[in-house]
Each structure stands twice: as structure tokens, then as C-alpha cells.
Amino acid sequence: MIRQSINLLPSSVHERTNAGLRTGRYVAAIIAGVVVLSTLTVHARVLRGGLRESLATAQAKHDEVIRMERRIAQIRSESSDLDRALARYRAIAQPIEFAGVIATIANRLPEGAAIDRIDVEATGRRTARSARTAAAPAGATASAPARPARIEISGLAPDDRAVAGFVAELQALEFTETVTLDFSRTRLVRGVPARDFRVTIRIDLDRIAPMAIASAGGGRS
């Protein structure tokens, strides 16, 4: 026996039911789309915030790099200025300590003599060189101009023999070019006659070897 379902509802009810189902599907689809769109919007906002933070970090690093590059450029400029200043100093500075020269000269004083005054005058380089200074020092070029200096020594000695011995000792020094006795005259010192003298020494500073200079505290060599 075959049973068939009999739908006694009118067709208008079926149509309204089907329309409701379609509307529900549309609403569900719209809700799903809104949820997806909201999710994408939130994700986009989070991503944009992260990008902003990355941009701010990158900008800070960029600014730091720019500051470091400016600092490096400043340091290089200061280093170049120091190099130029050092080159100028080396061009005009004296190659030796005059204290050692004076000590070497003082060590040649004869017994009973004393130095009253020492005047030192060092000038710039000059191109003319004497026959005695033709030989250049170790490490120097043959065409290097001289760097002269003049030392005037005034003092007292017991007699002319002591003065002559002092001049001879100075002439024997390796770094002296010329030694001139300007004068030697009698002078009473506390009622005792002595010889008041002045000697002028001309030297070339570039010819002075360190081993020829006595230390300021050294004795007579």
C-alpha cells in the first residue's frame, strides 16, 4: 500500500516560507561578509600599527646613522687640522732640547770659571751651507737647508788661559760650526781680578746627533 503525503497548506504559505528561507540565507551571508570584513579591517589596523612602529624605528636608526656620519666627518676634519698643525710644528720646531746643549757647553767650563748669562737665538732654515756643514746628518737629504742657531755665553774665568781652554773645548764639539771669542777683559769680582768674557757659538741644529748632547744633569764628558 503506497502512502503519499498530502500538503494541505496553501501555496501562498509555501511561497512565504521559501522567501523567509532565502532572506535568512541572505542575512547569514551578509553577516558572514561583515565578520570577514571586520576581521580584515582589524588585521589591517594591526598591520598598519606594526608598520608605523617599524617606520619609526627605521627613522630613528636613520637619524642615528646621519648623526654618526656627521660626527665622523667632523672627526676627519679635526684630524686633518691636527695633521696640518703637526706638519707646521715639525717644520718650525727645534729638533733637540736646548737644555741638553746648554748642559754640554756648561760641562766644558774650566775649573774656577762660571757662566753669567746665556742667550739663545734660533732662526728659520737657510739655503746657504758652509763647507763644514756640507755633510748632512744621518737620515737627512743633501739638499736640506740649514737650521742655524746662535748661542752667546757671558761669564767669568780666572785668567786668559782658562778662557782659551774653554773656547778650544767648544770648538771640539761635533755640533759647533764656529766659536768666536767676542772679548776678554779684566773685571774685579769682590776685589779679585778675573777675566770677563763673551763667546758666540753658531751651530746647525740639524747636525746635532743625540749622542753628542749631554743630559742636563750629566757631568763633564
Protein backbone atom coordinates (compact mmCIF):
# COMPACT_ATOMS: atom_id res chain seq x y z
CA MET A 1 0.00 0.00 0.00
CA ILE A 2 1.53 3.31 -1.08
CA ARG A 3 1.15 6.33 1.16
CA GLN A 4 1.57 9.84 -0.20
CA SER A 5 1.95 12.95 1.91
CA ILE A 6 -0.73 15.39 1.40
CA ASN A 7 0.19 19.08 1.93
CA LEU A 8 -2.92 20.88 2.76
CA LEU A 9 -1.13 24.27 3.18
CA PRO A 10 -1.98 26.77 0.56
CA SER A 11 0.68 27.74 -1.99
CA SER A 12 0.93 31.27 -0.59
CA VAL A 13 2.21 29.87 2.67
CA HIS A 14 4.84 27.87 0.83
CA GLU A 15 5.96 30.95 -1.02
CA ARG A 16 6.23 32.98 2.17
CA THR A 17 8.20 30.15 3.81
CA ASN A 18 10.59 29.89 0.89
CA ALA A 19 11.00 33.69 0.83
CA GLY A 20 11.84 33.63 4.55
CA LEU A 21 14.44 30.95 3.97
CA ARG A 22 16.00 32.94 1.17
CA THR A 23 16.03 36.06 3.33
CA GLY A 24 17.69 34.15 6.14
CA ARG A 25 20.37 32.92 3.78
CA TYR A 26 20.95 36.47 2.55
CA VAL A 27 21.17 37.76 6.13
CA ALA A 28 23.57 34.98 7.08
CA ALA A 29 25.71 35.75 4.02
CA ILE A 30 25.73 39.45 4.86
CA ILE A 31 26.63 38.72 8.49
CA ALA A 32 29.43 36.43 7.39
CA GLY A 33 30.71 39.11 5.00
CA VAL A 34 30.58 41.73 7.77
CA VAL A 35 32.52 39.40 10.08
CA VAL A 36 35.15 38.74 7.42
CA LEU A 37 35.36 42.44 6.59
CA SER A 38 35.67 43.33 10.27
CA THR A 39 38.38 40.71 10.70
CA LEU A 40 40.28 42.06 7.70
CA THR A 41 39.86 45.62 8.98
CA VAL A 42 41.23 44.74 12.41
CA HIS A 43 44.11 42.84 10.83
CA ALA A 44 44.84 45.78 8.56
CA ARG A 45 44.83 48.16 11.53
CA VAL A 46 47.18 45.90 13.49
CA LEU A 47 49.45 45.56 10.46
CA ARG A 48 49.42 49.32 9.90
CA GLY A 49 50.32 49.90 13.55
CA GLY A 50 53.22 47.47 13.27
CA LEU A 51 54.37 49.17 10.07
CA ARG A 52 54.22 52.55 11.79
CA GLU A 53 56.37 51.24 14.65
CA SER A 54 58.83 49.72 12.17
CA LEU A 55 58.92 53.01 10.26
CA ALA A 56 59.55 54.96 13.46
CA THR A 57 62.34 52.53 14.43
CA ALA A 58 63.88 52.74 10.95
CA GLN A 59 63.65 56.53 11.02
CA ALA A 60 65.37 56.66 14.40
CA LYS A 61 68.14 54.38 13.12
CA HIS A 62 68.45 56.53 10.00
CA ASP A 63 68.76 59.68 12.10
CA GLU A 64 71.40 57.97 14.25
CA VAL A 65 73.35 56.97 11.13
CA ILE A 66 73.18 60.55 9.85
CA ARG A 67 74.46 61.85 13.21
CA MET A 68 77.28 59.29 13.20
CA GLU A 69 78.25 60.23 9.63
CA ARG A 70 78.33 63.91 10.58
CA ARG A 71 80.43 63.08 13.65
CA ILE A 72 82.82 61.01 11.53
CA ALA A 73 83.12 63.87 9.04
CA GLN A 74 83.81 66.28 11.92
CA ILE A 75 86.45 63.94 13.39
CA ARG A 76 88.09 63.59 9.98
CA SER A 77 88.15 67.37 9.59
CA GLU A 78 89.64 67.79 13.07
CA SER A 79 92.17 65.05 12.31
CA SER A 80 93.17 66.85 9.09
CA ASP A 81 93.56 70.10 11.05
CA LEU A 82 95.74 68.30 13.61
CA ASP A 83 97.83 66.73 10.85
CA ARG A 84 98.39 70.15 9.27
CA ALA A 85 99.23 71.69 12.63
CA LEU A 86 101.64 68.82 13.37
CA ALA A 87 103.27 69.27 9.95
CA ARG A 88 103.70 73.00 10.62
CA TYR A 89 105.11 72.25 14.08
CA ARG A 90 107.60 69.75 12.69
CA ALA A 91 108.63 72.29 10.06
CA ILE A 92 109.46 75.01 12.59
CA ALA A 93 110.12 73.14 15.86
CA GLN A 94 113.62 72.69 17.14
CA PRO A 95 114.85 69.10 16.68
CA ILE A 96 116.64 68.98 20.04
CA GLU A 97 116.21 70.17 23.60
CA PHE A 98 118.38 73.23 24.25
CA ALA A 99 118.73 72.15 27.86
CA GLY A 100 120.97 69.33 26.66
CA VAL A 101 123.03 71.72 24.51
CA ILE A 102 123.48 74.14 27.39
CA ALA A 103 124.43 71.28 29.72
CA THR A 104 127.02 70.06 27.20
CA ILE A 105 128.52 73.55 26.93
CA ALA A 106 128.48 74.08 30.70
CA ASN A 107 130.32 70.78 31.19
CA ARG A 108 133.22 72.24 29.19
CA LEU A 109 133.77 75.10 31.64
CA PRO A 110 137.29 75.07 33.13
CA GLU A 111 137.79 74.92 36.86
CA GLY A 112 137.16 78.27 38.53
CA ALA A 113 135.03 79.61 35.63
CA ALA A 114 131.34 80.41 35.80
CA ILE A 115 128.64 81.32 33.30
CA ASP A 116 126.94 84.63 33.96
CA ARG A 117 124.45 84.73 31.08
CA ILE A 118 123.35 82.61 28.12
CA ASP A 119 121.36 83.99 25.17
CA VAL A 120 119.99 81.59 22.55
CA GLU A 121 118.64 82.67 19.17
CA ALA A 122 117.32 80.10 16.69
CA THR A 123 116.20 81.23 13.24
CA GLY A 124 114.44 79.55 10.35
CA ARG A 125 116.08 77.39 7.75
CA ARG A 126 118.50 78.94 5.32
CA THR A 127 119.68 77.59 1.98
CA ALA A 128 123.34 78.56 2.24
CA ARG A 129 125.60 75.99 3.90
CA SER A 130 129.25 76.30 4.82
CA ALA A 131 131.96 73.81 3.88
CA ARG A 132 131.88 72.41 7.42
CA THR A 133 128.14 71.75 7.21
CA ALA A 134 128.23 70.18 3.76
CA ALA A 135 127.90 66.72 5.26
CA ALA A 136 124.26 66.08 6.04
CA PRO A 137 123.24 64.22 9.21
CA ALA A 138 122.05 60.63 9.09
CA GLY A 139 118.58 60.41 7.57
CA ALA A 140 118.63 63.93 6.12
CA THR A 141 118.73 64.76 2.44
CA ALA A 142 121.75 66.50 0.97
CA SER A 143 119.60 69.39 -0.25
CA ALA A 144 118.05 70.14 3.14
CA PRO A 145 118.74 73.76 4.14
CA ALA A 146 120.49 74.56 7.38
CA ARG A 147 118.70 75.44 10.59
CA PRO A 148 121.13 77.75 12.36
CA ALA A 149 121.21 78.82 15.97
CA ARG A 150 123.42 81.27 17.84
CA ILE A 151 124.36 80.97 21.49
CA GLU A 152 126.06 83.82 23.33
CA ILE A 153 127.74 82.89 26.60
CA SER A 154 128.94 85.52 29.05
CA GLY A 155 130.92 84.51 32.10
CA LEU A 156 133.95 84.86 34.33
CA ALA A 157 137.22 82.91 34.25
CA PRO A 158 140.30 83.10 36.47
CA ASP A 159 142.64 84.05 33.57
CA ASP A 160 143.04 84.14 29.76
CA ARG A 161 144.38 80.60 29.72
CA ALA A 162 141.10 79.33 31.13
CA VAL A 163 139.16 81.37 28.56
CA ALA A 164 141.29 79.98 25.70
CA GLY A 165 140.82 76.45 27.02
CA PHE A 166 137.06 76.93 27.16
CA VAL A 167 136.99 78.17 23.55
CA ALA A 168 139.09 75.19 22.45
CA GLU A 169 136.71 72.78 24.23
CA LEU A 170 133.74 74.37 22.47
CA GLN A 171 135.43 74.17 19.08
CA ALA A 172 135.97 70.45 19.61
CA LEU A 173 132.25 69.78 19.97
CA GLU A 174 130.74 67.98 17.00
CA PHE A 175 127.74 70.27 16.57
CA THR A 176 129.54 73.67 16.66
CA GLU A 177 130.12 75.41 13.33
CA THR A 178 132.04 78.44 14.60
CA VAL A 179 133.17 79.60 18.04
CA THR A 180 134.12 83.27 18.37
CA LEU A 181 135.65 84.97 21.39
CA ASP A 182 133.95 88.37 21.36
CA PHE A 183 136.03 89.85 24.16
CA SER A 184 138.04 89.01 27.26
CA ARG A 185 138.72 91.82 29.71
CA THR A 186 139.71 92.29 33.30
CA ARG A 187 136.99 92.64 35.89
CA LEU A 188 137.22 92.89 39.65
CA VAL A 189 134.99 90.44 41.47
CA ARG A 190 134.93 91.16 45.22
CA GLY A 191 138.28 92.81 44.88
CA VAL A 192 139.80 89.86 42.99
CA PRO A 193 140.79 90.34 39.31
CA ALA A 194 139.13 87.96 36.85
CA ARG A 195 138.53 87.73 33.12
CA ASP A 196 135.11 88.82 31.94
CA PHE A 197 134.47 87.12 28.58
CA ARG A 198 131.79 86.51 25.99
CA VAL A 199 131.78 83.68 23.47
CA THR A 200 129.44 83.32 20.47
CA ILE A 201 128.71 79.84 19.18
CA ARG A 202 126.99 79.14 15.88
CA ILE A 203 125.51 75.70 15.35
CA ASP A 204 123.34 73.88 12.82
CA LEU A 205 120.55 72.19 14.73
CA ASP A 206 120.12 69.52 12.06
CA ARG A 207 123.71 68.36 12.59
CA ILE A 208 123.29 67.69 16.29
CA ALA A 209 123.24 63.97 16.99
CA PRO A 210 121.50 62.86 20.23
CA MET A 211 124.68 61.12 21.44
CA ALA A 212 126.56 64.43 21.23
CA ILE A 213 124.20 66.09 23.74
CA ALA A 214 124.77 65.61 27.43
CA SER A 215 121.84 65.26 29.77
CA ALA A 216 121.00 68.29 31.86
CA GLY A 217 122.18 66.53 34.99
CA GLY A 218 125.23 64.81 33.48
CA GLY A 219 128.82 65.56 34.29
CA ARG A 220 131.57 66.66 32.02
CA SER A 221 132.30 64.16 29.26
